[in-house]
Amino acid sequence: MNFRAALGDPVKTLDEYIGDGAPDREHVVCNITGRFKAINGFVQTWAMINAIRCAYVFEGSEAILEIPSLPVRLDAEAMVRSNLHVVRRMSIFGSCARGEAGGLSPLMVMEDDGQAALSEWGMVIWKKYQHAIYAAEVLEPITSRIVISPGFKKEVERQHEKNGPRIEKINSQIDRFAQYLEDNSKHVKSLDFKELKGRHEDLPCTHAFDA
């Protein structure tokens, strides 16, 4: 369990490296020579999921064995989308009740003391689809303490069409606000959450935060 949890940081580092602004994936190669077998298996599978080549040199040999970026097709996207609420909650809050994660493959979840959290593969799979999911539409909040009106959704979509991509950032900011409401996360400071001052008859609200 501790080893699996420890792979979370490498997953984050690898995902950031091949993210926006990263080198062309055709020129990225994972060197899995001389590593622990468990790490090698993890990196090789991550590379296949993300269409990255691997290179390996056998002991006593100077020849490089290249493992190509095979076209791996997973049914994971459908699973993520059909369990989106719980996947998002585990990603943001770290865990959920074990019973809530019953619709996910055991490969994506690790369980402990009645709680379920995304495994290293769960995080890899989630990060693979998160950008497209968050950029497509304003999502329902991950907490019942936030309610989004139809008018707000329409305004976000209008701004998105008029001024460029906005939806992904809006979803991320609402997630951060949900985190604050649920566990008093310090992340709310960057949202500048505050009570509205003065007269705001045109706005049916009492507080605001940056989006």
N, C-alpha and C. Protein backbone atom coordinates (compact mmCIF):
# COMPACT_ATOMS: atom_id res chain seq x y z
N MET A 1 0.83 -1.20 0.00
CA MET A 1 0.00 0.00 0.00
C MET A 1 0.87 1.25 0.00
N ASN A 2 1.93 1.29 0.88
CA ASN A 2 2.80 2.46 0.94
C ASN A 2 3.57 2.65 -0.35
N PHE A 3 4.01 1.51 -0.97
CA PHE A 3 4.73 1.61 -2.23
C PHE A 3 3.82 2.18 -3.31
N ARG A 4 2.59 1.69 -3.37
CA ARG A 4 1.64 2.16 -4.38
C ARG A 4 1.36 3.64 -4.19
N ALA A 5 1.19 4.04 -2.94
CA ALA A 5 0.91 5.45 -2.66
C ALA A 5 2.10 6.32 -3.04
N ALA A 6 3.33 5.77 -2.84
CA ALA A 6 4.54 6.54 -3.14
C ALA A 6 4.70 6.83 -4.62
N LEU A 7 4.02 6.06 -5.47
CA LEU A 7 4.13 6.28 -6.92
C LEU A 7 3.33 7.50 -7.38
N GLY A 8 2.57 8.09 -6.48
CA GLY A 8 1.78 9.26 -6.85
C GLY A 8 2.63 10.42 -7.30
N ASP A 9 3.77 10.68 -6.62
CA ASP A 9 4.64 11.80 -7.00
C ASP A 9 5.28 11.59 -8.37
N PRO A 10 5.82 10.39 -8.69
CA PRO A 10 6.33 10.18 -10.05
C PRO A 10 5.26 10.36 -11.12
N VAL A 11 4.04 9.91 -10.84
CA VAL A 11 2.96 10.09 -11.80
C VAL A 11 2.76 11.58 -12.08
N LYS A 12 2.72 12.38 -11.03
CA LYS A 12 2.52 13.82 -11.19
C LYS A 12 3.65 14.43 -12.00
N THR A 13 4.89 14.04 -11.70
CA THR A 13 6.05 14.58 -12.42
C THR A 13 6.03 14.20 -13.89
N LEU A 14 5.72 12.94 -14.18
CA LEU A 14 5.67 12.48 -15.56
C LEU A 14 4.55 13.17 -16.33
N ASP A 15 3.39 13.29 -15.71
CA ASP A 15 2.26 13.93 -16.38
C ASP A 15 2.56 15.40 -16.68
N GLU A 16 3.23 16.08 -15.74
CA GLU A 16 3.58 17.49 -15.96
C GLU A 16 4.58 17.62 -17.10
N TYR A 17 5.49 16.65 -17.21
CA TYR A 17 6.51 16.74 -18.24
C TYR A 17 5.94 16.62 -19.64
N ILE A 18 4.91 15.78 -19.80
CA ILE A 18 4.34 15.61 -21.14
C ILE A 18 3.09 16.47 -21.32
N GLY A 19 2.85 17.38 -20.39
CA GLY A 19 1.68 18.24 -20.48
C GLY A 19 1.86 19.36 -21.48
N ASP A 20 1.01 20.39 -21.35
CA ASP A 20 1.08 21.52 -22.27
C ASP A 20 2.46 22.16 -22.26
N GLY A 21 3.00 22.41 -23.43
CA GLY A 21 4.30 23.06 -23.55
C GLY A 21 5.47 22.12 -23.44
N ALA A 22 5.20 20.83 -23.28
CA ALA A 22 6.28 19.85 -23.16
C ALA A 22 6.83 19.50 -24.54
N PRO A 23 7.99 18.83 -24.58
CA PRO A 23 8.56 18.42 -25.88
C PRO A 23 7.61 17.52 -26.64
N ASP A 24 7.78 17.47 -27.95
CA ASP A 24 6.98 16.58 -28.78
C ASP A 24 7.13 15.15 -28.27
N ARG A 25 6.03 14.45 -28.09
CA ARG A 25 6.08 13.09 -27.53
C ARG A 25 6.91 12.15 -28.38
N GLU A 26 7.03 12.43 -29.67
CA GLU A 26 7.84 11.57 -30.54
C GLU A 26 9.31 11.60 -30.13
N HIS A 27 9.72 12.63 -29.40
CA HIS A 27 11.11 12.77 -29.00
C HIS A 27 11.31 12.49 -27.51
N VAL A 28 10.29 11.95 -26.85
CA VAL A 28 10.39 11.59 -25.44
C VAL A 28 10.58 10.08 -25.34
N VAL A 29 11.60 9.66 -24.60
CA VAL A 29 11.89 8.24 -24.42
C VAL A 29 12.12 7.97 -22.94
N CYS A 30 11.51 6.92 -22.41
CA CYS A 30 11.74 6.51 -21.02
C CYS A 30 12.85 5.47 -20.99
N ASN A 31 13.92 5.75 -20.27
CA ASN A 31 15.02 4.80 -20.12
C ASN A 31 14.76 3.95 -18.88
N ILE A 32 14.44 2.69 -19.07
CA ILE A 32 14.08 1.82 -17.94
C ILE A 32 15.22 0.84 -17.61
N THR A 33 16.44 1.18 -18.03
CA THR A 33 17.60 0.33 -17.75
C THR A 33 18.02 0.46 -16.30
N GLY A 34 18.29 -0.66 -15.65
CA GLY A 34 18.89 -0.64 -14.33
C GLY A 34 17.99 -0.13 -13.23
N ARG A 35 16.70 -0.20 -13.39
CA ARG A 35 15.78 0.26 -12.35
C ARG A 35 15.17 -0.96 -11.65
N PHE A 36 14.53 -0.70 -10.51
CA PHE A 36 13.83 -1.77 -9.83
C PHE A 36 12.73 -2.31 -10.73
N LYS A 37 12.52 -3.61 -10.70
CA LYS A 37 11.55 -4.23 -11.60
C LYS A 37 10.15 -3.66 -11.41
N ALA A 38 9.78 -3.39 -10.16
CA ALA A 38 8.45 -2.84 -9.91
C ALA A 38 8.30 -1.46 -10.54
N ILE A 39 9.37 -0.66 -10.45
CA ILE A 39 9.34 0.68 -11.06
C ILE A 39 9.32 0.56 -12.57
N ASN A 40 10.12 -0.37 -13.11
CA ASN A 40 10.15 -0.58 -14.56
C ASN A 40 8.77 -0.91 -15.11
N GLY A 41 8.08 -1.82 -14.44
CA GLY A 41 6.75 -2.21 -14.89
C GLY A 41 5.78 -1.04 -14.86
N PHE A 42 5.90 -0.25 -13.82
CA PHE A 42 5.03 0.92 -13.69
C PHE A 42 5.31 1.92 -14.80
N VAL A 43 6.58 2.27 -15.01
CA VAL A 43 6.94 3.27 -16.02
C VAL A 43 6.59 2.78 -17.42
N GLN A 44 6.84 1.50 -17.68
CA GLN A 44 6.53 0.97 -19.01
C GLN A 44 5.03 1.02 -19.29
N THR A 45 4.22 0.68 -18.32
CA THR A 45 2.76 0.74 -18.52
C THR A 45 2.30 2.17 -18.68
N TRP A 46 2.83 3.08 -17.87
CA TRP A 46 2.49 4.51 -18.00
C TRP A 46 2.83 4.99 -19.40
N ALA A 47 4.02 4.59 -19.89
CA ALA A 47 4.47 5.02 -21.21
C ALA A 47 3.53 4.51 -22.30
N MET A 48 3.09 3.26 -22.19
CA MET A 48 2.20 2.70 -23.20
C MET A 48 0.86 3.42 -23.21
N ILE A 49 0.34 3.73 -22.02
CA ILE A 49 -0.93 4.45 -21.93
C ILE A 49 -0.83 5.82 -22.58
N ASN A 50 0.35 6.45 -22.46
CA ASN A 50 0.52 7.81 -22.96
C ASN A 50 1.28 7.88 -24.29
N ALA A 51 1.43 6.74 -24.96
CA ALA A 51 2.08 6.67 -26.27
C ALA A 51 3.50 7.20 -26.24
N ILE A 52 4.29 6.76 -25.25
CA ILE A 52 5.70 7.15 -25.09
C ILE A 52 6.57 5.90 -25.30
N ARG A 53 7.67 6.05 -26.03
CA ARG A 53 8.58 4.93 -26.25
C ARG A 53 9.44 4.66 -25.01
N CYS A 54 9.87 3.41 -24.85
CA CYS A 54 10.80 3.03 -23.78
C CYS A 54 12.07 2.43 -24.40
N ALA A 55 13.18 2.60 -23.71
CA ALA A 55 14.45 2.02 -24.15
C ALA A 55 15.06 1.21 -23.01
N TYR A 56 15.68 0.08 -23.37
CA TYR A 56 16.24 -0.81 -22.37
C TYR A 56 17.54 -1.40 -22.89
N VAL A 57 18.55 -1.48 -22.02
CA VAL A 57 19.82 -2.11 -22.38
C VAL A 57 20.04 -3.30 -21.45
N PHE A 58 20.13 -4.51 -22.02
CA PHE A 58 20.36 -5.69 -21.21
C PHE A 58 21.76 -5.65 -20.60
N GLU A 59 21.89 -6.24 -19.40
CA GLU A 59 23.18 -6.28 -18.72
C GLU A 59 24.21 -7.01 -19.58
N GLY A 60 25.37 -6.43 -19.76
CA GLY A 60 26.44 -7.03 -20.55
C GLY A 60 26.32 -6.77 -22.03
N SER A 61 25.31 -6.00 -22.43
CA SER A 61 25.11 -5.70 -23.85
C SER A 61 25.14 -4.20 -24.07
N GLU A 62 25.54 -3.81 -25.28
CA GLU A 62 25.54 -2.39 -25.63
C GLU A 62 24.40 -2.05 -26.57
N ALA A 63 23.66 -3.07 -26.98
CA ALA A 63 22.54 -2.85 -27.91
C ALA A 63 21.34 -2.31 -27.15
N ILE A 64 20.69 -1.36 -27.74
CA ILE A 64 19.50 -0.75 -27.14
C ILE A 64 18.25 -1.43 -27.68
N LEU A 65 17.45 -1.94 -26.76
CA LEU A 65 16.16 -2.52 -27.13
C LEU A 65 15.10 -1.43 -26.97
N GLU A 66 14.43 -1.12 -28.06
CA GLU A 66 13.39 -0.09 -27.98
C GLU A 66 12.02 -0.75 -27.93
N ILE A 67 11.23 -0.34 -26.94
CA ILE A 67 9.86 -0.82 -26.80
C ILE A 67 8.96 0.27 -27.37
N PRO A 68 8.34 0.03 -28.51
CA PRO A 68 7.58 1.10 -29.18
C PRO A 68 6.34 1.51 -28.40
N SER A 69 5.82 2.68 -28.76
CA SER A 69 4.60 3.20 -28.13
C SER A 69 3.41 2.54 -28.78
N LEU A 70 3.08 1.37 -28.31
CA LEU A 70 2.00 0.59 -28.90
C LEU A 70 0.66 1.31 -28.71
N PRO A 71 -0.24 1.14 -29.65
CA PRO A 71 -1.56 1.76 -29.50
C PRO A 71 -2.40 1.00 -28.48
N VAL A 72 -2.39 1.47 -27.24
CA VAL A 72 -3.14 0.81 -26.18
C VAL A 72 -4.52 1.45 -26.08
N ARG A 73 -5.55 0.65 -26.14
CA ARG A 73 -6.92 1.16 -26.03
C ARG A 73 -7.52 0.65 -24.73
N LEU A 74 -7.97 1.57 -23.91
CA LEU A 74 -8.59 1.20 -22.64
C LEU A 74 -10.06 1.60 -22.66
N ASP A 75 -10.86 0.87 -21.91
CA ASP A 75 -12.25 1.27 -21.73
C ASP A 75 -12.37 2.16 -20.50
N ALA A 76 -11.25 2.75 -20.11
CA ALA A 76 -11.22 3.52 -18.87
C ALA A 76 -12.01 4.81 -18.97
N GLU A 77 -12.04 5.44 -20.15
CA GLU A 77 -12.73 6.72 -20.25
C GLU A 77 -14.21 6.58 -19.90
N ALA A 78 -14.85 5.54 -20.41
CA ALA A 78 -16.26 5.33 -20.10
C ALA A 78 -16.45 5.10 -18.60
N MET A 79 -15.50 4.37 -17.99
CA MET A 79 -15.60 4.12 -16.56
C MET A 79 -15.43 5.41 -15.77
N VAL A 80 -14.47 6.25 -16.19
CA VAL A 80 -14.26 7.52 -15.51
C VAL A 80 -15.51 8.40 -15.63
N ARG A 81 -16.06 8.50 -16.82
CA ARG A 81 -17.22 9.37 -17.04
C ARG A 81 -18.45 8.87 -16.29
N SER A 82 -18.63 7.57 -16.19
CA SER A 82 -19.80 7.04 -15.49
C SER A 82 -19.64 7.11 -13.98
N ASN A 83 -18.42 7.33 -13.50
CA ASN A 83 -18.15 7.48 -12.06
C ASN A 83 -17.47 8.81 -11.79
N LEU A 84 -17.80 9.81 -12.59
CA LEU A 84 -17.06 11.08 -12.56
C LEU A 84 -17.10 11.74 -11.19
N HIS A 85 -18.26 11.75 -10.56
CA HIS A 85 -18.39 12.44 -9.27
C HIS A 85 -17.43 11.86 -8.23
N VAL A 86 -17.40 10.54 -8.11
CA VAL A 86 -16.56 9.92 -7.10
C VAL A 86 -15.08 10.02 -7.47
N VAL A 87 -14.75 9.93 -8.75
CA VAL A 87 -13.36 10.08 -9.18
C VAL A 87 -12.85 11.48 -8.84
N ARG A 88 -13.67 12.47 -9.12
CA ARG A 88 -13.28 13.85 -8.81
C ARG A 88 -13.11 14.05 -7.30
N ARG A 89 -14.01 13.49 -6.52
CA ARG A 89 -13.91 13.64 -5.06
C ARG A 89 -12.64 12.97 -4.53
N MET A 90 -12.31 11.79 -5.05
CA MET A 90 -11.09 11.13 -4.59
C MET A 90 -9.86 11.93 -5.01
N SER A 91 -9.90 12.50 -6.20
CA SER A 91 -8.77 13.28 -6.68
C SER A 91 -8.55 14.53 -5.83
N ILE A 92 -9.64 15.16 -5.40
CA ILE A 92 -9.54 16.43 -4.67
C ILE A 92 -9.41 16.23 -3.17
N PHE A 93 -10.22 15.34 -2.62
CA PHE A 93 -10.23 15.15 -1.17
C PHE A 93 -9.34 14.00 -0.70
N GLY A 94 -8.84 13.21 -1.65
CA GLY A 94 -7.92 12.14 -1.29
C GLY A 94 -8.57 10.78 -1.14
N SER A 95 -9.81 10.74 -0.66
CA SER A 95 -10.47 9.45 -0.47
C SER A 95 -11.98 9.64 -0.37
N CYS A 96 -12.68 8.52 -0.36
CA CYS A 96 -14.13 8.52 -0.16
C CYS A 96 -14.48 7.21 0.53
N ALA A 97 -15.74 7.05 0.91
CA ALA A 97 -16.17 5.78 1.50
C ALA A 97 -16.00 4.66 0.47
N ARG A 98 -15.55 3.52 0.92
CA ARG A 98 -15.23 2.41 0.01
C ARG A 98 -16.42 2.04 -0.88
N GLY A 99 -17.62 2.07 -0.33
CA GLY A 99 -18.79 1.70 -1.09
C GLY A 99 -19.08 2.62 -2.26
N GLU A 100 -18.64 3.87 -2.19
CA GLU A 100 -18.89 4.83 -3.26
C GLU A 100 -18.07 4.51 -4.51
N ALA A 101 -16.96 3.79 -4.35
CA ALA A 101 -16.06 3.51 -5.47
C ALA A 101 -16.32 2.16 -6.10
N GLY A 102 -17.48 1.56 -5.81
CA GLY A 102 -17.76 0.22 -6.29
C GLY A 102 -17.87 0.10 -7.79
N GLY A 103 -18.11 1.21 -8.49
CA GLY A 103 -18.24 1.15 -9.94
C GLY A 103 -16.93 1.23 -10.68
N LEU A 104 -15.83 1.38 -9.97
CA LEU A 104 -14.51 1.50 -10.58
C LEU A 104 -13.76 0.18 -10.55
N SER A 105 -12.89 0.00 -11.52
CA SER A 105 -12.05 -1.19 -11.56
C SER A 105 -11.12 -1.21 -10.35
N PRO A 106 -10.85 -2.39 -9.76
CA PRO A 106 -9.89 -2.47 -8.66
C PRO A 106 -8.52 -1.92 -9.03
N LEU A 107 -8.20 -1.91 -10.34
CA LEU A 107 -6.93 -1.36 -10.79
C LEU A 107 -6.83 0.12 -10.47
N MET A 108 -7.97 0.82 -10.43
CA MET A 108 -7.97 2.27 -10.24
C MET A 108 -8.07 2.70 -8.79
N VAL A 109 -8.30 1.74 -7.90
CA VAL A 109 -8.61 2.09 -6.51
C VAL A 109 -7.74 1.29 -5.55
N MET A 110 -7.32 1.92 -4.47
CA MET A 110 -6.71 1.20 -3.36
C MET A 110 -7.52 1.50 -2.11
N GLU A 111 -7.76 0.46 -1.32
CA GLU A 111 -8.65 0.55 -0.18
C GLU A 111 -7.89 0.36 1.12
N ASP A 112 -8.37 1.05 2.15
CA ASP A 112 -7.74 0.94 3.46
C ASP A 112 -8.70 1.47 4.51
N ASP A 113 -8.98 0.65 5.50
CA ASP A 113 -9.78 1.06 6.66
C ASP A 113 -11.12 1.66 6.25
N GLY A 114 -11.80 1.02 5.32
CA GLY A 114 -13.12 1.46 4.92
C GLY A 114 -13.14 2.63 3.97
N GLN A 115 -11.96 3.11 3.56
CA GLN A 115 -11.87 4.23 2.63
C GLN A 115 -11.27 3.77 1.30
N ALA A 116 -11.59 4.48 0.25
CA ALA A 116 -11.04 4.18 -1.07
C ALA A 116 -10.37 5.43 -1.62
N ALA A 117 -9.23 5.24 -2.26
CA ALA A 117 -8.49 6.34 -2.88
C ALA A 117 -8.04 5.90 -4.26
N LEU A 118 -7.77 6.86 -5.13
CA LEU A 118 -7.26 6.51 -6.45
C LEU A 118 -5.88 5.90 -6.32
N SER A 119 -5.68 4.78 -6.97
CA SER A 119 -4.37 4.16 -7.02
C SER A 119 -3.47 4.95 -7.95
N GLU A 120 -2.21 4.52 -8.08
CA GLU A 120 -1.31 5.20 -9.01
C GLU A 120 -1.86 5.12 -10.43
N TRP A 121 -2.47 3.98 -10.77
CA TRP A 121 -3.06 3.85 -12.11
C TRP A 121 -4.35 4.65 -12.21
N GLY A 122 -5.06 4.74 -11.13
CA GLY A 122 -6.25 5.57 -11.13
C GLY A 122 -5.91 7.02 -11.43
N MET A 123 -4.80 7.50 -10.85
CA MET A 123 -4.38 8.87 -11.10
C MET A 123 -3.90 9.05 -12.54
N VAL A 124 -3.17 8.06 -13.06
CA VAL A 124 -2.71 8.12 -14.45
C VAL A 124 -3.90 8.22 -15.39
N ILE A 125 -4.88 7.35 -15.17
CA ILE A 125 -6.06 7.32 -16.04
C ILE A 125 -6.87 8.61 -15.90
N TRP A 126 -7.06 9.09 -14.67
CA TRP A 126 -7.82 10.32 -14.45
C TRP A 126 -7.14 11.50 -15.14
N LYS A 127 -5.84 11.63 -15.00
CA LYS A 127 -5.13 12.76 -15.61
C LYS A 127 -5.19 12.70 -17.13
N LYS A 128 -5.30 11.50 -17.67
CA LYS A 128 -5.36 11.35 -19.12
C LYS A 128 -6.64 11.98 -19.68
N TYR A 129 -7.73 11.91 -18.93
CA TYR A 129 -9.02 12.40 -19.44
C TYR A 129 -9.51 13.69 -18.77
N GLN A 130 -8.86 14.11 -17.71
CA GLN A 130 -9.37 15.26 -16.94
C GLN A 130 -9.48 16.52 -17.78
N HIS A 131 -8.45 16.82 -18.56
CA HIS A 131 -8.46 18.07 -19.33
C HIS A 131 -9.67 18.14 -20.26
N ALA A 132 -9.91 17.09 -21.01
CA ALA A 132 -11.02 17.09 -21.97
C ALA A 132 -12.36 17.19 -21.25
N ILE A 133 -12.48 16.51 -20.12
CA ILE A 133 -13.74 16.53 -19.37
C ILE A 133 -14.00 17.91 -18.78
N TYR A 134 -12.97 18.53 -18.21
CA TYR A 134 -13.14 19.83 -17.57
C TYR A 134 -13.32 20.95 -18.58
N ALA A 135 -12.82 20.77 -19.78
CA ALA A 135 -12.91 21.83 -20.79
C ALA A 135 -14.21 21.78 -21.58
N ALA A 136 -14.99 20.71 -21.44
CA ALA A 136 -16.17 20.52 -22.30
C ALA A 136 -17.40 21.27 -21.80
N GLU A 137 -17.63 21.30 -20.50
CA GLU A 137 -18.84 21.91 -19.96
C GLU A 137 -18.65 22.22 -18.48
N VAL A 138 -19.51 23.07 -17.96
CA VAL A 138 -19.50 23.35 -16.53
C VAL A 138 -20.07 22.14 -15.81
N LEU A 139 -19.28 21.55 -14.93
CA LEU A 139 -19.66 20.32 -14.26
C LEU A 139 -20.45 20.60 -12.98
N GLU A 140 -21.21 19.60 -12.58
CA GLU A 140 -21.92 19.71 -11.31
C GLU A 140 -20.88 19.72 -10.18
N PRO A 141 -21.06 20.55 -9.16
CA PRO A 141 -20.10 20.61 -8.06
C PRO A 141 -19.97 19.28 -7.33
N ILE A 142 -18.81 19.06 -6.72
CA ILE A 142 -18.56 17.82 -6.01
C ILE A 142 -19.08 17.87 -4.57
N THR A 143 -19.71 18.96 -4.20
CA THR A 143 -20.33 19.07 -2.88
C THR A 143 -21.73 19.64 -3.04
N SER A 144 -22.64 19.17 -2.21
CA SER A 144 -24.02 19.67 -2.26
C SER A 144 -24.13 21.08 -1.70
N ARG A 145 -23.05 21.59 -1.14
CA ARG A 145 -23.07 22.94 -0.57
C ARG A 145 -22.91 24.01 -1.65
N ILE A 146 -22.65 23.60 -2.87
CA ILE A 146 -22.56 24.54 -3.99
C ILE A 146 -23.66 24.19 -4.99
N VAL A 147 -24.42 25.19 -5.39
CA VAL A 147 -25.46 25.00 -6.39
C VAL A 147 -25.18 25.96 -7.55
N ILE A 148 -25.15 25.43 -8.77
CA ILE A 148 -24.89 26.24 -9.95
C ILE A 148 -26.19 26.47 -10.70
N SER A 149 -26.50 27.73 -10.97
CA SER A 149 -27.75 28.05 -11.66
C SER A 149 -27.59 27.88 -13.16
N PRO A 150 -28.68 27.62 -13.88
CA PRO A 150 -28.62 27.54 -15.34
C PRO A 150 -28.10 28.84 -15.96
N GLY A 151 -28.45 29.98 -15.35
CA GLY A 151 -27.97 31.26 -15.86
C GLY A 151 -26.46 31.38 -15.80
N PHE A 152 -25.86 30.86 -14.72
CA PHE A 152 -24.41 30.90 -14.59
C PHE A 152 -23.75 30.08 -15.68
N LYS A 153 -24.28 28.87 -15.93
CA LYS A 153 -23.73 28.02 -16.98
C LYS A 153 -23.77 28.72 -18.33
N LYS A 154 -24.90 29.35 -18.63
CA LYS A 154 -25.03 30.03 -19.91
C LYS A 154 -24.05 31.18 -20.03
N GLU A 155 -23.83 31.92 -18.94
CA GLU A 155 -22.90 33.04 -18.98
C GLU A 155 -21.47 32.55 -19.18
N VAL A 156 -21.10 31.46 -18.52
CA VAL A 156 -19.75 30.90 -18.70
C VAL A 156 -19.56 30.47 -20.15
N GLU A 157 -20.56 29.81 -20.72
CA GLU A 157 -20.46 29.36 -22.11
C GLU A 157 -20.37 30.56 -23.06
N ARG A 158 -21.10 31.63 -22.74
CA ARG A 158 -21.05 32.83 -23.58
C ARG A 158 -19.66 33.46 -23.53
N GLN A 159 -19.10 33.57 -22.33
CA GLN A 159 -17.76 34.13 -22.18
C GLN A 159 -16.72 33.23 -22.84
N HIS A 160 -16.95 31.93 -22.77
CA HIS A 160 -16.04 30.97 -23.38
C HIS A 160 -15.98 31.18 -24.90
N GLU A 161 -17.13 31.38 -25.50
CA GLU A 161 -17.20 31.59 -26.95
C GLU A 161 -16.67 32.96 -27.35
N LYS A 162 -16.88 33.94 -26.50
CA LYS A 162 -16.52 35.32 -26.83
C LYS A 162 -15.04 35.61 -26.56
N ASN A 163 -14.54 35.14 -25.43
CA ASN A 163 -13.20 35.54 -24.98
C ASN A 163 -12.19 34.41 -24.92
N GLY A 164 -12.57 33.22 -25.40
CA GLY A 164 -11.61 32.12 -25.38
C GLY A 164 -11.88 31.16 -24.24
N PRO A 165 -11.07 30.09 -24.16
CA PRO A 165 -11.29 29.02 -23.17
C PRO A 165 -11.43 29.53 -21.74
N ARG A 166 -12.53 29.17 -21.10
CA ARG A 166 -12.78 29.58 -19.72
C ARG A 166 -13.32 28.43 -18.88
N ILE A 167 -13.95 27.46 -19.55
CA ILE A 167 -14.71 26.46 -18.81
C ILE A 167 -13.81 25.61 -17.90
N GLU A 168 -12.65 25.21 -18.39
CA GLU A 168 -11.77 24.38 -17.57
C GLU A 168 -11.35 25.10 -16.30
N LYS A 169 -11.00 26.37 -16.42
CA LYS A 169 -10.58 27.13 -15.24
C LYS A 169 -11.73 27.31 -14.26
N ILE A 170 -12.94 27.57 -14.79
CA ILE A 170 -14.10 27.72 -13.92
C ILE A 170 -14.32 26.44 -13.12
N ASN A 171 -14.28 25.29 -13.78
CA ASN A 171 -14.46 24.01 -13.08
C ASN A 171 -13.40 23.81 -12.00
N SER A 172 -12.16 24.15 -12.32
CA SER A 172 -11.08 23.98 -11.35
C SER A 172 -11.26 24.90 -10.15
N GLN A 173 -11.69 26.14 -10.39
CA GLN A 173 -11.90 27.09 -9.30
C GLN A 173 -13.07 26.65 -8.41
N ILE A 174 -14.12 26.13 -9.02
CA ILE A 174 -15.25 25.64 -8.22
C ILE A 174 -14.82 24.44 -7.38
N ASP A 175 -13.97 23.59 -7.92
CA ASP A 175 -13.43 22.46 -7.15
C ASP A 175 -12.66 22.96 -5.94
N ARG A 176 -11.87 23.99 -6.14
CA ARG A 176 -11.05 24.52 -5.04
C ARG A 176 -11.95 25.15 -3.97
N PHE A 177 -13.00 25.81 -4.40
CA PHE A 177 -13.94 26.39 -3.45
C PHE A 177 -14.66 25.29 -2.68
N ALA A 178 -15.01 24.20 -3.37
CA ALA A 178 -15.63 23.05 -2.71
C ALA A 178 -14.68 22.47 -1.66
N GLN A 179 -13.41 22.43 -1.99
CA GLN A 179 -12.41 21.92 -1.04
C GLN A 179 -12.37 22.79 0.21
N TYR A 180 -12.47 24.08 0.02
CA TYR A 180 -12.50 25.00 1.16
C TYR A 180 -13.74 24.75 2.02
N LEU A 181 -14.89 24.63 1.40
CA LEU A 181 -16.13 24.43 2.14
C LEU A 181 -16.14 23.12 2.91
N GLU A 182 -15.51 22.09 2.33
CA GLU A 182 -15.54 20.77 2.96
C GLU A 182 -14.48 20.59 4.04
N ASP A 183 -13.30 21.15 3.83
CA ASP A 183 -12.24 20.90 4.81
C ASP A 183 -11.44 22.14 5.19
N ASN A 184 -12.00 23.33 4.92
CA ASN A 184 -11.32 24.59 5.26
C ASN A 184 -9.92 24.68 4.66
N SER A 185 -9.79 24.23 3.43
CA SER A 185 -8.50 24.26 2.76
C SER A 185 -7.96 25.68 2.65
N LYS A 186 -6.67 25.83 2.81
CA LYS A 186 -6.05 27.15 2.69
C LYS A 186 -6.02 27.65 1.26
N HIS A 187 -6.32 26.77 0.31
CA HIS A 187 -6.31 27.17 -1.10
C HIS A 187 -7.28 28.31 -1.37
N VAL A 188 -8.24 28.50 -0.49
CA VAL A 188 -9.26 29.53 -0.73
C VAL A 188 -8.66 30.92 -0.74
N LYS A 189 -7.51 31.12 -0.13
CA LYS A 189 -6.89 32.44 -0.10
C LYS A 189 -6.63 32.96 -1.51
N SER A 190 -6.23 32.09 -2.40
CA SER A 190 -5.96 32.51 -3.76
C SER A 190 -7.24 32.78 -4.54
N LEU A 191 -8.38 32.33 -4.01
CA LEU A 191 -9.66 32.61 -4.65
C LEU A 191 -10.20 33.99 -4.28
N ASP A 192 -9.64 34.57 -3.23
CA ASP A 192 -10.10 35.88 -2.75
C ASP A 192 -11.59 35.84 -2.41
N PHE A 193 -11.98 34.82 -1.66
CA PHE A 193 -13.37 34.67 -1.25
C PHE A 193 -13.72 35.75 -0.23
N LYS A 194 -14.79 36.49 -0.48
CA LYS A 194 -15.10 37.64 0.38
C LYS A 194 -16.58 37.97 0.31
N GLU A 195 -17.03 38.68 1.34
CA GLU A 195 -18.40 39.17 1.38
C GLU A 195 -18.50 40.41 0.50
N LEU A 196 -19.58 40.51 -0.25
CA LEU A 196 -19.79 41.67 -1.10
C LEU A 196 -20.17 42.87 -0.24
N LYS A 197 -19.58 44.02 -0.54
CA LYS A 197 -19.85 45.25 0.19
C LYS A 197 -20.72 46.18 -0.64
N GLY A 198 -21.47 47.03 0.04
CA GLY A 198 -22.28 48.00 -0.69
C GLY A 198 -23.58 47.40 -1.19
N ARG A 199 -24.17 48.06 -2.16
CA ARG A 199 -25.46 47.65 -2.69
C ARG A 199 -25.27 46.82 -3.96
N HIS A 200 -25.88 45.66 -4.00
CA HIS A 200 -25.77 44.77 -5.16
C HIS A 200 -27.14 44.17 -5.46
N GLU A 201 -28.13 45.04 -5.66
CA GLU A 201 -29.47 44.54 -5.92
C GLU A 201 -29.55 43.69 -7.19
N ASP A 202 -28.63 43.97 -8.14
CA ASP A 202 -28.65 43.24 -9.40
C ASP A 202 -28.04 41.85 -9.28
N LEU A 203 -27.40 41.56 -8.13
CA LEU A 203 -26.76 40.26 -7.94
C LEU A 203 -27.43 39.53 -6.78
N PRO A 204 -28.05 38.38 -7.04
CA PRO A 204 -28.72 37.62 -5.95
C PRO A 204 -27.72 36.82 -5.14
N CYS A 205 -26.72 37.48 -4.58
CA CYS A 205 -25.70 36.77 -3.82
C CYS A 205 -25.11 37.68 -2.75
N THR A 206 -24.41 37.12 -1.82
CA THR A 206 -23.82 37.88 -0.71
C THR A 206 -22.29 37.83 -0.72
N HIS A 207 -21.69 36.81 -1.38
CA HIS A 207 -20.25 36.64 -1.41
C HIS A 207 -19.78 36.39 -2.85
N ALA A 208 -18.48 36.52 -3.06
CA ALA A 208 -17.90 36.28 -4.38
C ALA A 208 -16.49 35.74 -4.23
N PHE A 209 -15.99 35.06 -5.29
CA PHE A 209 -14.59 34.66 -5.35
C PHE A 209 -14.13 34.73 -6.79
N ASP A 210 -12.82 34.85 -6.97
CA ASP A 210 -12.25 35.01 -8.32
C ASP A 210 -12.38 33.72 -9.11
N ALA A 211 -12.75 33.87 -10.38
CA ALA A 211 -12.85 32.71 -11.26
C ALA A 211 -12.15 33.00 -12.57
